Amino acid sequence: ILNSERKLERQDLWVIESFGVGIHYTLQSVIIRSHGQDHILKRSVGGDWKGIGSLLLYICGTALTFVEPRLGQLTFVLVALIWLIPDRRIERALLAE
């Protein structure tokens, strides 16, 4: 990503952020597995379409950035817009219990 001949570019930051999303998803999966499939976190997250979809969009966006940077950036903006919609699944599960 970085070398001494060029500056850190905007698409480099998106690549770094996509790794953060991957780490978040992996950590969530490890926590769920360690507590069992009947844990409240597993029940509240369910299929986690937002998390999986975001990870897939980040992977696509990263690949698109190398082809056409604006398409990659558009993909990253789409992920940000998806997450502007509040995800209240965990909150609802905790209140129900």
N, C-alpha and C. Protein backbone atom coordinates (compact mmCIF):
# COMPACT_ATOMS: atom_id res chain seq x y z
N ILE A 1 0.83 -1.19 0.00
CA ILE A 1 0.00 0.00 0.00
C ILE A 1 0.87 1.25 0.00
N LEU A 2 1.84 1.28 0.89
CA LEU A 2 2.69 2.46 0.98
C LEU A 2 4.10 2.14 0.51
N ASN A 3 4.71 3.07 -0.16
CA ASN A 3 6.13 2.99 -0.42
C ASN A 3 6.70 4.40 -0.33
N SER A 4 7.99 4.52 -0.40
CA SER A 4 8.60 5.83 -0.18
C SER A 4 8.44 6.77 -1.37
N GLU A 5 7.96 6.27 -2.49
CA GLU A 5 7.87 7.09 -3.69
C GLU A 5 6.52 7.77 -3.88
N ARG A 6 5.51 7.40 -3.11
CA ARG A 6 4.21 8.05 -3.28
C ARG A 6 3.55 8.27 -1.94
N LYS A 7 2.62 9.22 -1.93
CA LYS A 7 1.92 9.57 -0.69
C LYS A 7 0.77 8.59 -0.45
N LEU A 8 0.28 8.60 0.76
CA LEU A 8 -0.90 7.83 1.10
C LEU A 8 -2.08 8.43 0.36
N GLU A 9 -2.74 7.64 -0.45
CA GLU A 9 -3.86 8.13 -1.24
C GLU A 9 -5.18 7.72 -0.61
N ARG A 10 -6.22 8.36 -1.07
CA ARG A 10 -7.54 8.13 -0.51
C ARG A 10 -7.95 6.66 -0.59
N GLN A 11 -7.69 6.01 -1.73
CA GLN A 11 -8.10 4.61 -1.86
C GLN A 11 -7.31 3.70 -0.93
N ASP A 12 -6.09 4.12 -0.54
CA ASP A 12 -5.34 3.35 0.43
C ASP A 12 -6.06 3.32 1.77
N LEU A 13 -6.65 4.44 2.15
CA LEU A 13 -7.40 4.49 3.42
C LEU A 13 -8.60 3.57 3.39
N TRP A 14 -9.25 3.47 2.23
CA TRP A 14 -10.41 2.57 2.12
C TRP A 14 -9.97 1.11 2.25
N VAL A 15 -8.82 0.78 1.73
CA VAL A 15 -8.30 -0.58 1.87
C VAL A 15 -8.07 -0.88 3.34
N ILE A 16 -7.46 0.06 4.04
CA ILE A 16 -7.22 -0.11 5.47
C ILE A 16 -8.53 -0.26 6.22
N GLU A 17 -9.54 0.54 5.88
CA GLU A 17 -10.83 0.44 6.53
C GLU A 17 -11.50 -0.91 6.26
N SER A 18 -11.34 -1.43 5.06
CA SER A 18 -11.95 -2.73 4.75
C SER A 18 -11.33 -3.83 5.60
N PHE A 19 -10.05 -3.72 5.91
CA PHE A 19 -9.45 -4.68 6.83
C PHE A 19 -10.09 -4.57 8.21
N GLY A 20 -10.41 -3.35 8.63
CA GLY A 20 -11.09 -3.15 9.91
C GLY A 20 -12.45 -3.83 9.94
N VAL A 21 -13.17 -3.75 8.82
CA VAL A 21 -14.47 -4.41 8.74
C VAL A 21 -14.29 -5.92 8.86
N GLY A 22 -13.30 -6.44 8.18
CA GLY A 22 -13.02 -7.88 8.26
C GLY A 22 -12.68 -8.32 9.67
N ILE A 23 -11.89 -7.52 10.36
CA ILE A 23 -11.53 -7.83 11.75
C ILE A 23 -12.76 -7.79 12.64
N HIS A 24 -13.63 -6.80 12.44
CA HIS A 24 -14.86 -6.70 13.22
C HIS A 24 -15.73 -7.93 13.01
N TYR A 25 -15.91 -8.33 11.77
CA TYR A 25 -16.75 -9.49 11.48
C TYR A 25 -16.16 -10.76 12.08
N THR A 26 -14.84 -10.91 11.98
CA THR A 26 -14.18 -12.08 12.55
C THR A 26 -14.32 -12.10 14.06
N LEU A 27 -14.12 -10.97 14.71
CA LEU A 27 -14.25 -10.89 16.17
C LEU A 27 -15.67 -11.23 16.61
N GLN A 28 -16.66 -10.70 15.90
CA GLN A 28 -18.05 -11.01 16.22
C GLN A 28 -18.31 -12.50 16.10
N SER A 29 -17.78 -13.12 15.06
CA SER A 29 -17.98 -14.56 14.86
C SER A 29 -17.32 -15.37 15.96
N VAL A 30 -16.13 -14.96 16.38
CA VAL A 30 -15.42 -15.67 17.46
C VAL A 30 -16.20 -15.55 18.76
N ILE A 31 -16.72 -14.38 19.08
CA ILE A 31 -17.50 -14.19 20.30
C ILE A 31 -18.74 -15.06 20.29
N ILE A 32 -19.43 -15.10 19.17
CA ILE A 32 -20.64 -15.92 19.07
C ILE A 32 -20.30 -17.39 19.24
N ARG A 33 -19.23 -17.84 18.59
CA ARG A 33 -18.85 -19.26 18.71
C ARG A 33 -18.45 -19.62 20.14
N SER A 34 -17.78 -18.69 20.83
CA SER A 34 -17.32 -19.00 22.19
C SER A 34 -18.48 -19.07 23.18
N HIS A 35 -19.58 -18.39 22.89
CA HIS A 35 -20.73 -18.40 23.80
C HIS A 35 -21.81 -19.39 23.39
N GLY A 36 -21.70 -19.95 22.21
CA GLY A 36 -22.69 -20.91 21.75
C GLY A 36 -23.75 -20.29 20.86
N GLN A 37 -24.41 -21.14 20.12
CA GLN A 37 -25.39 -20.68 19.14
C GLN A 37 -26.68 -20.14 19.78
N ASP A 38 -26.88 -20.40 21.06
CA ASP A 38 -28.10 -19.93 21.72
C ASP A 38 -27.87 -18.61 22.48
N HIS A 39 -26.70 -18.03 22.35
CA HIS A 39 -26.38 -16.78 23.04
C HIS A 39 -27.21 -15.63 22.47
N ILE A 40 -27.47 -14.63 23.29
CA ILE A 40 -28.31 -13.50 22.88
C ILE A 40 -27.72 -12.75 21.68
N LEU A 41 -26.39 -12.68 21.60
CA LEU A 41 -25.77 -11.99 20.46
C LEU A 41 -26.08 -12.72 19.16
N LYS A 42 -26.01 -14.04 19.18
CA LYS A 42 -26.30 -14.82 17.98
C LYS A 42 -27.77 -14.64 17.57
N ARG A 43 -28.65 -14.68 18.55
CA ARG A 43 -30.07 -14.53 18.24
C ARG A 43 -30.37 -13.12 17.70
N SER A 44 -29.71 -12.11 18.25
CA SER A 44 -30.01 -10.75 17.82
C SER A 44 -29.40 -10.42 16.46
N VAL A 45 -28.22 -10.93 16.19
CA VAL A 45 -27.56 -10.63 14.92
C VAL A 45 -28.16 -11.45 13.79
N GLY A 46 -28.53 -12.67 14.08
CA GLY A 46 -29.15 -13.51 13.05
C GLY A 46 -28.21 -13.75 11.89
N GLY A 47 -28.70 -13.51 10.67
CA GLY A 47 -27.89 -13.73 9.48
C GLY A 47 -26.88 -12.64 9.21
N ASP A 48 -27.03 -11.49 9.85
CA ASP A 48 -26.12 -10.36 9.73
C ASP A 48 -25.89 -9.95 8.28
N TRP A 49 -26.97 -9.65 7.58
CA TRP A 49 -26.86 -9.27 6.17
C TRP A 49 -26.08 -7.99 5.98
N LYS A 50 -26.18 -7.06 6.93
CA LYS A 50 -25.44 -5.80 6.79
C LYS A 50 -23.93 -6.03 6.92
N GLY A 51 -23.54 -6.85 7.85
CA GLY A 51 -22.12 -7.12 8.05
C GLY A 51 -21.51 -7.88 6.88
N ILE A 52 -22.18 -8.92 6.45
CA ILE A 52 -21.67 -9.71 5.32
C ILE A 52 -21.71 -8.88 4.04
N GLY A 53 -22.80 -8.16 3.82
CA GLY A 53 -22.92 -7.32 2.63
C GLY A 53 -21.86 -6.24 2.61
N SER A 54 -21.59 -5.63 3.76
CA SER A 54 -20.56 -4.58 3.83
C SER A 54 -19.19 -5.15 3.49
N LEU A 55 -18.90 -6.31 4.04
CA LEU A 55 -17.60 -6.93 3.77
C LEU A 55 -17.45 -7.23 2.28
N LEU A 56 -18.49 -7.78 1.67
CA LEU A 56 -18.44 -8.08 0.24
C LEU A 56 -18.32 -6.81 -0.60
N LEU A 57 -19.06 -5.76 -0.22
CA LEU A 57 -18.96 -4.50 -0.95
C LEU A 57 -17.57 -3.86 -0.79
N TYR A 58 -16.98 -3.99 0.39
CA TYR A 58 -15.62 -3.46 0.57
C TYR A 58 -14.62 -4.22 -0.30
N ILE A 59 -14.78 -5.52 -0.40
CA ILE A 59 -13.87 -6.31 -1.26
C ILE A 59 -14.04 -5.88 -2.71
N CYS A 60 -15.29 -5.74 -3.15
CA CYS A 60 -15.54 -5.29 -4.53
C CYS A 60 -15.02 -3.87 -4.75
N GLY A 61 -15.25 -2.99 -3.78
CA GLY A 61 -14.78 -1.62 -3.88
C GLY A 61 -13.27 -1.52 -3.96
N THR A 62 -12.59 -2.36 -3.18
CA THR A 62 -11.13 -2.37 -3.22
C THR A 62 -10.64 -2.80 -4.59
N ALA A 63 -11.24 -3.84 -5.14
CA ALA A 63 -10.85 -4.30 -6.48
C ALA A 63 -11.17 -3.23 -7.53
N LEU A 64 -12.34 -2.61 -7.43
CA LEU A 64 -12.72 -1.56 -8.38
C LEU A 64 -11.80 -0.35 -8.32
N THR A 65 -11.26 -0.07 -7.15
CA THR A 65 -10.37 1.08 -6.99
C THR A 65 -9.14 0.95 -7.88
N PHE A 66 -8.66 -0.27 -8.07
CA PHE A 66 -7.49 -0.46 -8.92
C PHE A 66 -7.84 -0.31 -10.40
N VAL A 67 -9.12 -0.54 -10.75
CA VAL A 67 -9.56 -0.39 -12.14
C VAL A 67 -9.97 1.06 -12.41
N GLU A 68 -10.89 1.56 -11.60
CA GLU A 68 -11.39 2.93 -11.72
C GLU A 68 -11.65 3.46 -10.31
N PRO A 69 -10.78 4.32 -9.81
CA PRO A 69 -10.89 4.79 -8.43
C PRO A 69 -12.26 5.36 -8.06
N ARG A 70 -12.92 6.04 -8.97
CA ARG A 70 -14.23 6.63 -8.64
C ARG A 70 -15.29 5.55 -8.40
N LEU A 71 -15.24 4.46 -9.12
CA LEU A 71 -16.19 3.37 -8.87
C LEU A 71 -15.94 2.74 -7.51
N GLY A 72 -14.69 2.56 -7.15
CA GLY A 72 -14.36 2.04 -5.83
C GLY A 72 -14.85 2.96 -4.73
N GLN A 73 -14.63 4.25 -4.91
CA GLN A 73 -15.07 5.21 -3.91
C GLN A 73 -16.58 5.24 -3.80
N LEU A 74 -17.27 5.10 -4.93
CA LEU A 74 -18.73 5.05 -4.91
C LEU A 74 -19.23 3.85 -4.12
N THR A 75 -18.55 2.74 -4.25
CA THR A 75 -18.91 1.54 -3.49
C THR A 75 -18.75 1.78 -1.99
N PHE A 76 -17.67 2.45 -1.60
CA PHE A 76 -17.44 2.73 -0.18
C PHE A 76 -18.48 3.70 0.37
N VAL A 77 -18.90 4.66 -0.44
CA VAL A 77 -19.95 5.59 -0.02
C VAL A 77 -21.26 4.82 0.17
N LEU A 78 -21.53 3.86 -0.71
CA LEU A 78 -22.74 3.03 -0.59
C LEU A 78 -22.75 2.28 0.74
N VAL A 79 -21.62 1.73 1.14
CA VAL A 79 -21.54 1.04 2.43
C VAL A 79 -21.83 2.00 3.57
N ALA A 80 -21.27 3.19 3.50
CA ALA A 80 -21.52 4.20 4.55
C ALA A 80 -23.00 4.55 4.62
N LEU A 81 -23.64 4.68 3.47
CA LEU A 81 -25.07 5.00 3.46
C LEU A 81 -25.91 3.86 4.04
N ILE A 82 -25.52 2.63 3.77
CA ILE A 82 -26.23 1.48 4.34
C ILE A 82 -26.18 1.54 5.87
N TRP A 83 -25.03 1.93 6.42
CA TRP A 83 -24.89 1.95 7.87
C TRP A 83 -25.49 3.20 8.52
N LEU A 84 -25.96 4.14 7.73
CA LEU A 84 -26.68 5.27 8.31
C LEU A 84 -28.05 4.84 8.84
N ILE A 85 -28.57 3.75 8.30
CA ILE A 85 -29.83 3.18 8.79
C ILE A 85 -29.50 2.46 10.10
N PRO A 86 -30.06 2.88 11.22
CA PRO A 86 -29.71 2.26 12.50
C PRO A 86 -30.03 0.77 12.53
N ASP A 87 -29.15 0.03 13.18
CA ASP A 87 -29.32 -1.41 13.35
C ASP A 87 -29.67 -1.66 14.82
N ARG A 88 -30.92 -1.88 15.09
CA ARG A 88 -31.39 -1.97 16.48
C ARG A 88 -31.64 -3.42 16.93
N ARG A 89 -31.08 -4.38 16.22
CA ARG A 89 -31.36 -5.79 16.55
C ARG A 89 -30.87 -6.17 17.95
N ILE A 90 -29.66 -5.77 18.28
CA ILE A 90 -29.10 -6.13 19.60
C ILE A 90 -29.86 -5.43 20.70
N GLU A 91 -30.18 -4.16 20.49
CA GLU A 91 -30.95 -3.40 21.49
C GLU A 91 -32.31 -4.06 21.74
N ARG A 92 -32.99 -4.44 20.67
CA ARG A 92 -34.30 -5.09 20.82
C ARG A 92 -34.19 -6.43 21.54
N ALA A 93 -33.16 -7.20 21.23
CA ALA A 93 -32.97 -8.49 21.88
C ALA A 93 -32.69 -8.33 23.37
N LEU A 94 -31.90 -7.34 23.74
CA LEU A 94 -31.62 -7.11 25.15
C LEU A 94 -32.86 -6.64 25.90
N LEU A 95 -33.66 -5.80 25.28
CA LEU A 95 -34.89 -5.32 25.94
C LEU A 95 -35.92 -6.43 26.08
N ALA A 96 -35.94 -7.34 25.13
CA ALA A 96 -36.90 -8.45 25.18
C ALA A 96 -36.54 -9.46 26.27
N GLU A 97 -35.28 -9.55 26.60
CA GLU A 97 -34.85 -10.54 27.58
C GLU A 97 -34.97 -10.08 28.97
